[in-house]
């Protein structure tokens, strides 16, 4: 039985930089010709994603596991688009945001790219070739062209639901990819696009202090319930002014206490170190006489309205018993 030569390690290094994907041209550069690629596909060691693009991971994307598998799938979609349309291809819309590290995208995004000057050669196999503006500015990620954050937001926001749109704006600002003026510029760029009419009020909701999409989702949930938080990233200090903890979202109750809502995401809070830090922070907050703490997870936020309703119920109860709590000494805020 004939044994096939191993896949060149240099090519596998390229694949790891591209979320496990390689192009036919890259294979040829490393001496892996078409007949060898066909055999790898026949043996189910590789998968042909679309013409000229191969996945070197034998595990299907929807069965892959790991602490950041959702981000991997989104970036993989971006690389499918780039590799499908050649070295001039530009990652656009949600694919650009995925490669730029912006958080808040839906779990699944469509592979898409554009060509310089808005040239069109046709979409294929579910990979979209978009015809975006000729004046689009680009940056480089992993030596490939990617739409700049303002253009990528302008392209994406009209095509996603409100909670994702605001989370993307929050993340882009929080990560320093653009400032408030850049966000205004993105809004202007989005004008006239299909679906943008429903989004105009969304752009005013962005807050760079939100540190995760789940925090954004919780803030919007509370806004819709009529109980927007009084502050974000609330610093709680002890009686002597010492730092105790910082809470994700905070409300001042009528008796001067803080109601703190902590939003726990599995990818951030699931490690043993994170669990220890969360427990210590929770203990410090609960031990403070002027703080009430509620914790929510992604499962809570999956039910739209649940977090806002719970916060509102607590605040209504606090208003009803405010007089009985006036003897509590609230912590200072710094």
Protein backbone atom coordinates (compact mmCIF):
# COMPACT_ATOMS: atom_id res chain seq x y z
CA UNK A 1 0.00 0.00 0.00
CA UNK A 2 1.39 3.36 -1.03
CA UNK A 3 1.94 5.81 1.79
CA UNK A 4 1.32 9.45 1.01
CA UNK A 5 3.86 12.04 2.01
CA UNK A 6 2.89 14.18 5.01
CA UNK A 7 1.44 17.64 4.58
CA UNK A 8 4.31 20.17 4.74
CA UNK A 9 4.59 21.70 8.20
CA UNK A 10 5.05 25.15 6.65
CA UNK A 11 1.62 24.83 5.04
CA UNK A 12 0.05 23.78 8.34
CA UNK A 13 1.55 26.89 9.95
CA UNK A 14 -0.22 28.96 7.29
CA UNK A 15 -3.46 27.08 8.01
CA UNK A 16 -3.24 27.81 11.73
CA UNK A 17 -3.01 31.53 10.95
CA UNK A 18 -6.14 31.21 8.82
CA UNK A 19 -8.42 29.29 11.20
CA UNK A 20 -7.42 25.96 9.63
CA UNK A 21 -8.02 27.02 6.03
CA UNK A 22 -5.69 27.08 3.03
CA UNK A 23 -6.14 28.02 -0.60
CA UNK A 24 -5.18 25.94 -3.62
CA UNK A 25 -2.58 28.57 -4.50
CA UNK A 26 -0.99 28.29 -1.04
CA UNK A 27 -0.93 24.50 -1.38
CA UNK A 28 0.81 24.79 -4.75
CA UNK A 29 3.39 27.15 -3.24
CA UNK A 30 4.27 24.46 -0.69
CA UNK A 31 4.35 21.59 -3.17
CA UNK A 32 0.95 20.09 -2.36
CA UNK A 33 -0.53 19.55 -5.81
CA UNK A 34 -4.15 19.02 -6.81
CA UNK A 35 -4.02 15.20 -6.90
CA UNK A 36 -2.68 15.17 -3.31
CA UNK A 37 -5.42 17.54 -2.19
CA UNK A 38 -8.05 15.34 -3.81
CA UNK A 39 -6.74 12.33 -1.92
CA UNK A 40 -6.88 14.22 1.38
CA UNK A 41 -10.51 15.11 0.67
CA UNK A 42 -11.34 11.52 -0.34
CA UNK A 43 -9.81 10.29 2.92
CA UNK A 44 -11.91 12.87 4.82
CA UNK A 45 -8.81 14.36 6.35
CA UNK A 46 -9.56 17.64 4.58
CA UNK A 47 -12.79 19.24 3.37
CA UNK A 48 -13.25 21.33 0.27
CA UNK A 49 -15.21 24.36 1.48
CA UNK A 50 -15.58 25.96 -1.95
CA UNK A 51 -13.58 25.97 -5.14
CA UNK A 52 -9.93 26.49 -4.26
CA UNK A 53 -10.42 26.56 -0.45
CA UNK A 54 -9.73 23.65 1.91
CA UNK A 55 -10.27 23.06 5.61
CA UNK A 56 -7.40 21.09 7.15
CA UNK A 57 -9.41 20.20 10.28
CA UNK A 58 -11.33 16.92 9.80
CA UNK A 59 -13.84 17.91 12.52
CA UNK A 60 -16.83 19.82 11.05
CA UNK A 61 -17.02 23.43 12.29
CA UNK A 62 -20.32 22.89 14.12
CA UNK A 63 -18.79 20.03 16.14
CA UNK A 64 -15.63 21.80 17.21
CA UNK A 65 -15.19 22.63 20.88
CA UNK A 66 -13.05 24.94 22.92
CA UNK A 67 -13.16 28.07 25.09
CA UNK A 68 -13.38 30.44 22.09
CA UNK A 69 -14.96 28.24 19.45
CA UNK A 70 -17.62 30.83 18.56
CA UNK A 71 -14.96 33.41 17.71
CA UNK A 72 -13.10 30.74 15.72
CA UNK A 73 -16.18 30.02 13.60
CA UNK A 74 -16.73 33.70 12.86
CA UNK A 75 -13.09 34.27 11.89
CA UNK A 76 -13.21 31.10 9.79
CA UNK A 77 -16.14 32.55 7.85
CA UNK A 78 -14.05 35.66 7.20
CA UNK A 79 -11.14 33.60 5.92
CA UNK A 80 -13.40 31.56 3.65
CA UNK A 81 -14.40 34.81 1.93
CA UNK A 82 -10.84 36.08 1.65
CA UNK A 83 -9.42 32.84 0.26
CA UNK A 84 -12.35 32.23 -2.08
CA UNK A 85 -11.86 35.48 -3.99
CA UNK A 86 -8.09 35.72 -4.10
CA UNK A 87 -5.31 37.90 -2.72
CA UNK A 88 -7.07 41.18 -3.61
CA UNK A 89 -10.18 40.28 -1.62
CA UNK A 90 -11.24 42.57 1.22
CA UNK A 91 -13.01 41.29 4.34
CA UNK A 92 -16.13 43.40 4.80
CA UNK A 93 -19.12 43.75 7.13
CA UNK A 94 -19.31 41.20 9.95
CA UNK A 95 -16.29 39.32 8.57
CA UNK A 96 -14.16 42.45 8.89
CA UNK A 97 -15.38 43.00 12.46
CA UNK A 98 -14.57 39.38 13.35
CA UNK A 99 -10.97 39.77 12.12
CA UNK A 100 -10.64 43.13 13.88
CA UNK A 101 -11.57 41.48 17.19
CA UNK A 102 -14.86 43.33 17.66
CA UNK A 103 -17.22 41.41 19.94
CA UNK A 104 -21.00 41.16 19.68
CA UNK A 105 -21.59 39.41 16.37
CA UNK A 106 -24.33 36.78 16.03
CA UNK A 107 -23.19 33.20 16.58
CA UNK A 108 -23.17 32.55 12.84
CA UNK A 109 -22.10 34.99 10.14
CA UNK A 110 -22.06 34.58 6.37
CA UNK A 111 -18.70 34.33 4.61
CA UNK A 112 -18.32 37.45 2.48
CA UNK A 113 -15.74 39.67 0.86
CA UNK A 114 -15.44 42.47 -1.68
CA UNK A 115 -13.01 43.26 -4.47
CA UNK A 116 -11.31 46.64 -5.07
CA UNK A 117 -13.45 49.09 -6.97
CA UNK A 118 -16.61 47.13 -6.26
CA UNK A 119 -15.85 44.58 -8.96
CA UNK A 120 -18.22 41.61 -9.10
CA UNK A 121 -17.46 38.09 -10.27
CA UNK A 122 -20.38 36.32 -8.61
CA UNK A 123 -21.05 34.69 -5.26
CA UNK A 124 -20.73 30.94 -4.90
CA UNK A 125 -21.37 28.11 -2.45
CA UNK A 126 -22.92 30.50 0.05
CA UNK A 127 -19.86 32.77 -0.03
CA UNK A 128 -21.02 36.30 -0.88
CA UNK A 129 -19.13 38.74 -3.04
CA UNK A 130 -20.37 42.15 -1.93
CA UNK A 131 -20.32 45.33 -4.02
CA UNK A 132 -19.58 47.99 -1.44
CA UNK A 133 -18.52 51.57 -1.98
CA UNK A 134 -15.49 52.31 -4.11
CA UNK A 135 -14.30 54.79 -1.48
CA UNK A 136 -14.10 52.20 1.31
CA UNK A 137 -10.95 52.45 3.40
CA UNK A 138 -9.07 49.33 4.43
CA UNK A 139 -6.52 48.20 6.96
CA UNK A 140 -4.47 45.00 7.19
CA UNK A 141 -4.92 42.00 9.45
CA UNK A 142 -2.62 38.98 9.07
CA UNK A 143 -1.36 40.52 5.81
CA UNK A 144 -4.85 40.66 4.27
CA UNK A 145 -7.10 43.61 3.46
CA UNK A 146 -9.93 44.32 5.91
CA UNK A 147 -12.46 47.15 5.93
CA UNK A 148 -11.68 49.73 8.61
CA UNK A 149 -13.90 49.65 11.73
CA UNK A 150 -16.08 52.60 10.67
CA UNK A 151 -16.85 51.09 7.27
CA UNK A 152 -17.36 47.61 8.73
CA UNK A 153 -19.89 48.95 11.24
CA UNK A 154 -21.70 50.94 8.55
CA UNK A 155 -22.01 47.75 6.50
CA UNK A 156 -23.05 45.50 9.40
CA UNK A 157 -25.41 47.50 11.62
CA UNK A 158 -28.27 47.69 9.08
CA UNK A 159 -28.17 43.90 8.70
CA UNK A 160 -28.31 42.76 12.35
CA UNK A 161 -30.71 43.01 15.29
CA UNK A 162 -30.47 45.93 17.71
CA UNK A 163 -28.75 44.09 20.57
CA UNK A 164 -25.96 42.90 18.26
CA UNK A 165 -25.62 46.29 16.58
CA UNK A 166 -25.20 48.18 19.87
CA UNK A 167 -22.86 45.50 21.25
CA UNK A 168 -20.64 45.88 18.16
CA UNK A 169 -20.55 49.66 18.60
CA UNK A 170 -19.75 49.29 22.30
CA UNK A 171 -16.96 46.80 21.63
CA UNK A 172 -15.37 48.84 18.84
CA UNK A 173 -15.25 51.87 21.14
CA UNK A 174 -14.15 49.92 24.22
CA UNK A 175 -11.27 48.37 22.28
CA UNK A 176 -10.16 51.78 21.03
CA UNK A 177 -10.79 50.95 17.36
CA UNK A 178 -12.79 54.16 16.99
CA UNK A 179 -13.99 57.02 19.18
CA UNK A 180 -17.30 58.87 19.34
CA UNK A 181 -16.45 60.87 16.22
CA UNK A 182 -15.59 57.65 14.40
CA UNK A 183 -18.95 56.19 15.44
CA UNK A 184 -20.73 59.27 14.08
CA UNK A 185 -18.80 58.84 10.86
CA UNK A 186 -19.88 55.20 10.63
CA UNK A 187 -23.51 56.29 11.14
CA UNK A 188 -23.19 58.76 8.29
CA UNK A 189 -21.67 56.08 6.06
CA UNK A 190 -24.60 53.79 6.83
CA UNK A 191 -27.21 56.30 5.66
CA UNK A 192 -28.98 55.19 2.52
CA UNK A 193 -28.24 51.49 2.98
CA UNK A 194 -31.08 49.00 2.97
CA UNK A 195 -32.41 48.48 6.50
CA UNK A 196 -30.71 51.53 8.02
CA UNK A 197 -33.95 53.46 8.74
CA UNK A 198 -34.74 51.31 11.79
CA UNK A 199 -31.24 51.80 13.23
CA UNK A 200 -30.92 55.58 13.58
CA UNK A 201 -31.84 55.59 17.28
CA UNK A 202 -29.49 52.69 18.01
CA UNK A 203 -26.33 54.69 17.35
CA UNK A 204 -27.09 56.94 20.33
CA UNK A 205 -27.23 53.95 22.71
CA UNK A 206 -23.56 52.96 22.45
CA UNK A 207 -21.45 53.19 25.62
CA UNK A 208 -17.73 52.44 25.46
CA UNK A 209 -17.74 51.39 29.14
CA UNK A 210 -19.52 48.11 28.35
CA UNK A 211 -16.86 45.43 28.56
CA UNK A 212 -18.73 42.56 26.90
CA UNK A 213 -21.71 41.93 24.63
CA UNK A 214 -23.59 40.38 27.56
CA UNK A 215 -23.24 43.64 29.49
CA UNK A 216 -24.64 45.48 26.48
CA UNK A 217 -27.55 43.04 26.21
CA UNK A 218 -28.32 43.51 29.91
CA UNK A 219 -28.17 47.29 29.64
CA UNK A 220 -30.57 47.30 26.70
CA UNK A 221 -32.89 44.90 28.50
CA UNK A 222 -33.05 47.25 31.47
CA UNK A 223 -33.49 50.28 29.25
CA UNK A 224 -36.49 48.64 27.61
CA UNK A 225 -37.89 47.79 31.06
CA UNK A 226 -37.71 51.45 32.07
CA UNK A 227 -34.84 50.94 34.54
CA UNK A 228 -31.63 52.03 32.76
CA UNK A 229 -28.57 51.70 35.01
CA UNK A 230 -27.35 54.81 36.80
CA UNK A 231 -23.74 53.88 36.15
CA UNK A 232 -21.49 51.27 34.56
CA UNK A 233 -18.30 49.74 35.98
CA UNK A 234 -19.27 51.02 39.43
CA UNK A 235 -16.38 51.23 41.88
CA UNK A 236 -17.40 50.24 45.40
CA UNK A 237 -15.21 51.50 48.24
CA UNK A 238 -15.15 50.55 51.90
CA UNK A 239 -15.68 52.69 54.98
CA UNK A 240 -12.08 53.94 54.82
CA UNK A 241 -12.15 54.59 51.09
CA UNK A 242 -10.35 51.37 50.18
CA UNK A 243 -11.25 49.70 46.88
CA UNK A 244 -13.53 46.71 47.35
CA UNK A 245 -14.80 45.74 43.94
CA UNK A 246 -16.16 46.98 40.66
CA UNK A 247 -19.65 46.07 39.46
CA UNK A 248 -20.80 45.81 35.85
CA UNK A 249 -24.04 47.77 36.13
CA UNK A 250 -25.33 49.79 39.07
CA UNK A 251 -28.48 51.49 40.33
CA UNK A 252 -28.83 53.79 43.32
CA UNK A 253 -31.76 52.70 45.47
CA UNK A 254 -33.87 55.27 47.35
CA UNK A 255 -32.08 54.54 50.62
CA UNK A 256 -28.65 55.27 49.13
CA UNK A 257 -27.54 51.69 48.55
CA UNK A 258 -26.14 50.34 45.29
CA UNK A 259 -27.85 47.54 43.45
CA UNK A 260 -25.08 45.88 41.45
CA UNK A 261 -25.76 43.52 38.54
CA UNK A 262 -22.87 41.23 37.60
CA UNK A 263 -23.00 39.68 34.14
CA UNK A 264 -21.15 36.36 33.89
CA UNK A 265 -20.02 35.03 30.53
CA UNK A 266 -18.77 31.45 30.34
CA UNK A 267 -15.73 32.29 28.20
CA UNK A 268 -14.58 34.99 30.61
CA UNK A 269 -15.75 33.62 33.94
CA UNK A 270 -15.49 29.86 33.40
CA UNK A 271 -11.84 29.23 34.30
CA UNK A 272 -10.86 28.25 37.88
CA UNK A 273 -8.93 31.50 38.29
CA UNK A 274 -11.90 33.55 37.12
CA UNK A 275 -14.29 31.64 39.38
CA UNK A 276 -12.04 32.33 42.37
CA UNK A 277 -11.85 36.03 41.49
CA UNK A 278 -15.62 36.22 41.00
CA UNK A 279 -16.27 34.55 44.36
CA UNK A 280 -13.89 36.91 46.14
CA UNK A 281 -15.47 39.96 44.48
CA UNK A 282 -18.95 38.73 45.31
CA UNK A 283 -18.00 38.17 48.94
CA UNK A 284 -16.59 41.70 49.18
CA UNK A 285 -19.71 43.20 47.65
CA UNK A 286 -22.11 41.19 49.79
CA UNK A 287 -20.12 42.01 52.92
CA UNK A 288 -20.55 45.71 52.21
CA UNK A 289 -23.56 46.92 54.14
CA UNK A 290 -24.73 49.23 51.36
CA UNK A 291 -24.64 46.89 48.38
CA UNK A 292 -27.15 44.40 46.99
CA UNK A 293 -25.90 42.01 44.33
CA UNK A 294 -27.68 40.20 41.52
CA UNK A 295 -25.88 37.91 39.08
CA UNK A 296 -26.97 36.95 35.59
CA UNK A 297 -25.63 34.62 32.92
CA UNK A 298 -25.94 34.23 29.16
CA UNK A 299 -28.88 31.90 29.76
CA UNK A 300 -30.76 34.68 31.56
CA UNK A 301 -30.05 37.11 28.74
CA UNK A 302 -31.21 34.64 26.10
CA UNK A 303 -34.76 35.37 27.31
CA UNK A 304 -35.37 38.95 26.23
CA UNK A 305 -36.90 40.94 29.07
CA UNK A 306 -35.95 38.61 31.93
CA UNK A 307 -33.07 40.66 33.35
CA UNK A 308 -34.91 43.96 33.04
CA UNK A 309 -37.98 42.53 34.77
CA UNK A 310 -35.92 41.17 37.67
CA UNK A 311 -34.06 44.45 38.14
CA UNK A 312 -37.32 46.38 38.05
CA UNK A 313 -38.92 44.05 40.60
CA UNK A 314 -35.98 44.55 42.98
CA UNK A 315 -36.00 48.34 42.59
CA UNK A 316 -39.77 48.50 43.12
CA UNK A 317 -39.30 46.51 46.32
CA UNK A 318 -36.47 48.80 47.42
CA UNK A 319 -38.64 51.86 46.92
CA UNK A 320 -41.35 50.27 49.04
CA UNK A 321 -39.02 49.61 51.95
CA UNK A 322 -36.75 52.66 51.65
CA UNK A 323 -37.79 54.14 54.99
CA UNK A 324 -36.85 51.01 56.90
CA UNK A 325 -33.35 51.10 55.43
CA UNK A 326 -32.38 54.70 56.13
CA UNK A 327 -30.20 53.61 59.02
CA UNK A 328 -27.79 51.78 56.70
CA UNK A 329 -24.58 53.58 55.95
CA UNK A 330 -23.98 53.42 52.19
CA UNK A 331 -20.49 52.79 50.85
CA UNK A 332 -18.66 55.60 49.11
CA UNK A 333 -18.26 55.61 45.38
CA UNK A 334 -14.97 56.57 43.79
